[in-house]
Amino acid sequence: MQAAIKNRYGITADLREGAGGIFTVEIDGKTVYDNQVTYRFPTDDEIFAHIDALKT
């Protein structure tokens, strides 16, 4: 996903290692995806939609 974000937006996503399979996406300090809520890993398109929504 980090590479997909870099390819599409030219930005490098930071990876902060956690424990227990936690995967959270934060954009500008706002949590936009949390697998502890959805119980699954997001698709690239889901994350792209969140990034695009913040850019408008």
PDB file of N, CA and C in Angstrom:
ATOM      1  N   MET A   1       0.820  -1.183   0.000  1.00  0.00           N
ATOM      2  CA  MET A   1       0.000   0.000   0.000  1.00  0.00           C
ATOM      3  C   MET A   1       0.869   1.254   0.000  1.00  0.00           C
ATOM      4  N   GLN A   2       1.983   1.215   0.707  1.00  0.00           N
ATOM      5  CA  GLN A   2       2.870   2.369   0.745  1.00  0.00           C
ATOM      6  C   GLN A   2       3.323   2.736  -0.668  1.00  0.00           C
ATOM      7  N   ALA A   3       3.687   1.741  -1.472  1.00  0.00           N
ATOM      8  CA  ALA A   3       4.117   1.988  -2.843  1.00  0.00           C
ATOM      9  C   ALA A   3       2.971   2.535  -3.695  1.00  0.00           C
ATOM     10  N   ALA A   4       1.767   2.034  -3.484  1.00  0.00           N
ATOM     11  CA  ALA A   4       0.612   2.505  -4.252  1.00  0.00           C
ATOM     12  C   ALA A   4       0.328   3.980  -3.964  1.00  0.00           C
ATOM     13  N   ILE A   5       0.446   4.369  -2.702  1.00  0.00           N
ATOM     14  CA  ILE A   5       0.234   5.776  -2.332  1.00  0.00           C
ATOM     15  C   ILE A   5       1.322   6.643  -2.962  1.00  0.00           C
ATOM     16  N   LYS A   6       2.557   6.190  -2.918  1.00  0.00           N
ATOM     17  CA  LYS A   6       3.671   6.942  -3.520  1.00  0.00           C
ATOM     18  C   LYS A   6       3.459   7.091  -5.019  1.00  0.00           C
ATOM     19  N   ASN A   7       3.063   6.009  -5.697  1.00  0.00           N
ATOM     20  CA  ASN A   7       2.855   6.049  -7.143  1.00  0.00           C
ATOM     21  C   ASN A   7       1.718   6.988  -7.533  1.00  0.00           C
ATOM     22  N   ARG A   8       0.646   6.974  -6.779  1.00  0.00           N
ATOM     23  CA  ARG A   8      -0.531   7.770  -7.151  1.00  0.00           C
ATOM     24  C   ARG A   8      -0.416   9.232  -6.733  1.00  0.00           C
ATOM     25  N   TYR A   9       0.136   9.493  -5.553  1.00  0.00           N
ATOM     26  CA  TYR A   9       0.129  10.859  -5.015  1.00  0.00           C
ATOM     27  C   TYR A   9       1.513  11.488  -4.881  1.00  0.00           C
ATOM     28  N   GLY A  10       2.563  10.687  -5.043  1.00  0.00           N
ATOM     29  CA  GLY A  10       3.905  11.211  -4.910  1.00  0.00           C
ATOM     30  C   GLY A  10       4.299  11.521  -3.479  1.00  0.00           C
ATOM     31  N   ILE A  11       3.605  10.916  -2.523  1.00  0.00           N
ATOM     32  CA  ILE A  11       3.928  11.111  -1.115  1.00  0.00           C
ATOM     33  C   ILE A  11       4.338   9.774  -0.511  1.00  0.00           C
ATOM     34  N   THR A  12       5.196   9.844   0.478  1.00  0.00           N
ATOM     35  CA  THR A  12       5.653   8.628   1.144  1.00  0.00           C
ATOM     36  C   THR A  12       4.914   8.471   2.462  1.00  0.00           C
ATOM     37  N   ALA A  13       4.208   7.361   2.584  1.00  0.00           N
ATOM     38  CA  ALA A  13       3.474   7.070   3.815  1.00  0.00           C
ATOM     39  C   ALA A  13       4.457   6.565   4.867  1.00  0.00           C
ATOM     40  N   ASP A  14       4.240   6.971   6.097  1.00  0.00           N
ATOM     41  CA  ASP A  14       5.057   6.485   7.208  1.00  0.00           C
ATOM     42  C   ASP A  14       4.486   5.181   7.726  1.00  0.00           C
ATOM     43  N   LEU A  15       5.368   4.271   8.034  1.00  0.00           N
ATOM     44  CA  LEU A  15       4.970   3.006   8.638  1.00  0.00           C
ATOM     45  C   LEU A  15       5.419   3.009  10.087  1.00  0.00           C
ATOM     46  N   ARG A  16       4.468   2.818  10.961  1.00  0.00           N
ATOM     47  CA  ARG A  16       4.777   2.693  12.384  1.00  0.00           C
ATOM     48  C   ARG A  16       4.379   1.292  12.807  1.00  0.00           C
ATOM     49  N   GLU A  17       5.364   0.521  13.168  1.00  0.00           N
ATOM     50  CA  GLU A  17       5.090  -0.867  13.523  1.00  0.00           C
ATOM     51  C   GLU A  17       4.302  -0.956  14.814  1.00  0.00           C
ATOM     52  N   GLY A  18       3.346  -1.868  14.799  1.00  0.00           N
ATOM     53  CA  GLY A  18       2.537  -2.122  15.979  1.00  0.00           C
ATOM     54  C   GLY A  18       2.608  -3.600  16.318  1.00  0.00           C
ATOM     55  N   ALA A  19       1.650  -4.045  17.059  1.00  0.00           N
ATOM     56  CA  ALA A  19       1.621  -5.448  17.453  1.00  0.00           C
ATOM     57  C   ALA A  19       0.222  -6.007  17.250  1.00  0.00           C
ATOM     58  N   GLY A  20       0.141  -7.296  17.083  1.00  0.00           N
ATOM     59  CA  GLY A  20      -1.146  -7.969  17.036  1.00  0.00           C
ATOM     60  C   GLY A  20      -1.953  -7.735  15.777  1.00  0.00           C
ATOM     61  N   GLY A  21      -1.311  -7.364  14.665  1.00  0.00           N
ATOM     62  CA  GLY A  21      -2.027  -7.200  13.408  1.00  0.00           C
ATOM     63  C   GLY A  21      -2.828  -5.914  13.303  1.00  0.00           C
ATOM     64  N   ILE A  22      -2.522  -4.938  14.123  1.00  0.00           N
ATOM     65  CA  ILE A  22      -3.235  -3.666  14.059  1.00  0.00           C
ATOM     66  C   ILE A  22      -2.785  -2.905  12.823  1.00  0.00           C
ATOM     67  N   PHE A  23      -3.757  -2.394  12.074  1.00  0.00           N
ATOM     68  CA  PHE A  23      -3.476  -1.590  10.889  1.00  0.00           C
ATOM     69  C   PHE A  23      -4.401  -0.388  10.921  1.00  0.00           C
ATOM     70  N   THR A  24      -3.807   0.776  11.118  1.00  0.00           N
ATOM     71  CA  THR A  24      -4.569   2.017  11.194  1.00  0.00           C
ATOM     72  C   THR A  24      -3.975   3.001  10.200  1.00  0.00           C
ATOM     73  N   VAL A  25      -4.844   3.709   9.483  1.00  0.00           N
ATOM     74  CA  VAL A  25      -4.394   4.744   8.555  1.00  0.00           C
ATOM     75  C   VAL A  25      -4.847   6.085   9.093  1.00  0.00           C
ATOM     76  N   GLU A  26      -3.879   6.976   9.257  1.00  0.00           N
ATOM     77  CA  GLU A  26      -4.175   8.335   9.703  1.00  0.00           C
ATOM     78  C   GLU A  26      -3.706   9.303   8.631  1.00  0.00           C
ATOM     79  N   ILE A  27      -4.517  10.294   8.367  1.00  0.00           N
ATOM     80  CA  ILE A  27      -4.167  11.331   7.408  1.00  0.00           C
ATOM     81  C   ILE A  27      -4.357  12.668   8.102  1.00  0.00           C
ATOM     82  N   ASP A  28      -3.291  13.440   8.148  1.00  0.00           N
ATOM     83  CA  ASP A  28      -3.304  14.738   8.836  1.00  0.00           C
ATOM     84  C   ASP A  28      -3.824  14.609  10.263  1.00  0.00           C
ATOM     85  N   GLY A  29      -3.395  13.541  10.945  1.00  0.00           N
ATOM     86  CA  GLY A  29      -3.764  13.338  12.335  1.00  0.00           C
ATOM     87  C   GLY A  29      -5.163  12.779  12.560  1.00  0.00           C
ATOM     88  N   LYS A  30      -5.894  12.504  11.481  1.00  0.00           N
ATOM     89  CA  LYS A  30      -7.257  11.980  11.586  1.00  0.00           C
ATOM     90  C   LYS A  30      -7.262  10.511  11.165  1.00  0.00           C
ATOM     91  N   THR A  31      -7.823   9.638  12.000  1.00  0.00           N
ATOM     92  CA  THR A  31      -7.922   8.223  11.654  1.00  0.00           C
ATOM     93  C   THR A  31      -8.998   8.035  10.600  1.00  0.00           C
ATOM     94  N   VAL A  32      -8.584   7.491   9.446  1.00  0.00           N
ATOM     95  CA  VAL A  32      -9.541   7.263   8.366  1.00  0.00           C
ATOM     96  C   VAL A  32      -9.805   5.784   8.121  1.00  0.00           C
ATOM     97  N   TYR A  33      -8.977   4.929   8.695  1.00  0.00           N
ATOM     98  CA  TYR A  33      -9.226   3.493   8.587  1.00  0.00           C
ATOM     99  C   TYR A  33      -8.596   2.795   9.780  1.00  0.00           C
ATOM    100  N   ASP A  34      -9.338   1.858  10.333  1.00  0.00           N
ATOM    101  CA  ASP A  34      -8.850   1.097  11.486  1.00  0.00           C
ATOM    102  C   ASP A  34      -9.368  -0.326  11.364  1.00  0.00           C
ATOM    103  N   ASN A  35      -8.448  -1.276  11.186  1.00  0.00           N
ATOM    104  CA  ASN A  35      -8.901  -2.658  11.010  1.00  0.00           C
ATOM    105  C   ASN A  35      -9.436  -3.265  12.300  1.00  0.00           C
ATOM    106  N   GLN A  36      -9.272  -2.576  13.414  1.00  0.00           N
ATOM    107  CA  GLN A  36      -9.882  -3.040  14.658  1.00  0.00           C
ATOM    108  C   GLN A  36     -11.389  -2.771  14.647  1.00  0.00           C
ATOM    109  N   VAL A  37     -11.827  -1.952  13.695  1.00  0.00           N
ATOM    110  CA  VAL A  37     -13.251  -1.672  13.507  1.00  0.00           C
ATOM    111  C   VAL A  37     -13.824  -2.560  12.405  1.00  0.00           C
ATOM    112  N   THR A  38     -13.088  -2.690  11.287  1.00  0.00           N
ATOM    113  CA  THR A  38     -13.595  -3.445  10.139  1.00  0.00           C
ATOM    114  C   THR A  38     -13.206  -4.913  10.141  1.00  0.00           C
ATOM    115  N   TYR A  39     -12.186  -5.267  10.930  1.00  0.00           N
ATOM    116  CA  TYR A  39     -11.680  -6.644  11.014  1.00  0.00           C
ATOM    117  C   TYR A  39     -11.145  -7.178   9.693  1.00  0.00           C
ATOM    118  N   ARG A  40     -10.584  -6.266   8.876  1.00  0.00           N
ATOM    119  CA  ARG A  40      -9.977  -6.677   7.610  1.00  0.00           C
ATOM    120  C   ARG A  40      -8.984  -5.611   7.156  1.00  0.00           C
ATOM    121  N   PHE A  41      -8.145  -5.969   6.193  1.00  0.00           N
ATOM    122  CA  PHE A  41      -7.186  -5.040   5.619  1.00  0.00           C
ATOM    123  C   PHE A  41      -7.886  -4.253   4.510  1.00  0.00           C
ATOM    124  N   PRO A  42      -7.645  -2.947   4.389  1.00  0.00           N
ATOM    125  CA  PRO A  42      -8.336  -2.158   3.364  1.00  0.00           C
ATOM    126  C   PRO A  42      -7.753  -2.389   1.972  1.00  0.00           C
ATOM    127  N   THR A  43      -8.537  -2.075   0.968  1.00  0.00           N
ATOM    128  CA  THR A  43      -8.029  -2.080  -0.398  1.00  0.00           C
ATOM    129  C   THR A  43      -7.351  -0.744  -0.667  1.00  0.00           C
ATOM    130  N   ASP A  44      -6.505  -0.719  -1.684  1.00  0.00           N
ATOM    131  CA  ASP A  44      -5.878   0.545  -2.075  1.00  0.00           C
ATOM    132  C   ASP A  44      -6.944   1.584  -2.409  1.00  0.00           C
ATOM    133  N   ASP A  45      -7.985   1.163  -3.135  1.00  0.00           N
ATOM    134  CA  ASP A  45      -9.038   2.106  -3.533  1.00  0.00           C
ATOM    135  C   ASP A  45      -9.751   2.731  -2.341  1.00  0.00           C
ATOM    136  N   GLU A  46      -9.934   1.980  -1.272  1.00  0.00           N
ATOM    137  CA  GLU A  46     -10.548   2.546  -0.068  1.00  0.00           C
ATOM    138  C   GLU A  46      -9.689   3.670   0.505  1.00  0.00           C
ATOM    139  N   ILE A  47      -8.386   3.424   0.595  1.00  0.00           N
ATOM    140  CA  ILE A  47      -7.493   4.441   1.132  1.00  0.00           C
ATOM    141  C   ILE A  47      -7.406   5.624   0.185  1.00  0.00           C
ATOM    142  N   PHE A  48      -7.349   5.365  -1.125  1.00  0.00           N
ATOM    143  CA  PHE A  48      -7.332   6.460  -2.102  1.00  0.00           C
ATOM    144  C   PHE A  48      -8.566   7.342  -1.944  1.00  0.00           C
ATOM    145  N   ALA A  49      -9.722   6.745  -1.725  1.00  0.00           N
ATOM    146  CA  ALA A  49     -10.961   7.518  -1.558  1.00  0.00           C
ATOM    147  C   ALA A  49     -10.858   8.446  -0.351  1.00  0.00           C
ATOM    148  N   HIS A  50     -10.277   7.977   0.728  1.00  0.00           N
ATOM    149  CA  HIS A  50     -10.107   8.818   1.913  1.00  0.00           C
ATOM    150  C   HIS A  50      -9.131   9.971   1.645  1.00  0.00           C
ATOM    151  N   ILE A  51      -8.048   9.670   0.968  1.00  0.00           N
ATOM    152  CA  ILE A  51      -7.075  10.721   0.622  1.00  0.00           C
ATOM    153  C   ILE A  51      -7.733  11.746  -0.290  1.00  0.00           C
ATOM    154  N   ASP A  52      -8.441  11.280  -1.312  1.00  0.00           N
ATOM    155  CA  ASP A  52      -9.101  12.198  -2.251  1.00  0.00           C
ATOM    156  C   ASP A  52     -10.127  13.068  -1.553  1.00  0.00           C
ATOM    157  N   ALA A  53     -10.870  12.509  -0.611  1.00  0.00           N
ATOM    158  CA  ALA A  53     -11.887  13.274   0.113  1.00  0.00           C
ATOM    159  C   ALA A  53     -11.257  14.396   0.930  1.00  0.00           C
ATOM    160  N   LEU A  54     -10.070  14.164   1.465  1.00  0.00           N
ATOM    161  CA  LEU A  54      -9.401  15.196   2.247  1.00  0.00           C
ATOM    162  C   LEU A  54      -8.807  16.283   1.377  1.00  0.00           C
ATOM    163  N   LYS A  55      -8.552  15.990   0.108  1.00  0.00           N
ATOM    164  CA  LYS A  55      -7.960  16.972  -0.793  1.00  0.00           C
ATOM    165  C   LYS A  55      -8.976  17.934  -1.375  1.00  0.00           C
ATOM    166  N   THR A  56     -10.269  17.639  -1.213  1.00  0.00           N
ATOM    167  CA  THR A  56     -11.303  18.502  -1.801  1.00  0.00           C
ATOM    168  C   THR A  56     -11.768  19.559  -0.851  1.00  0.00           C
TER     169      THR A  56
END
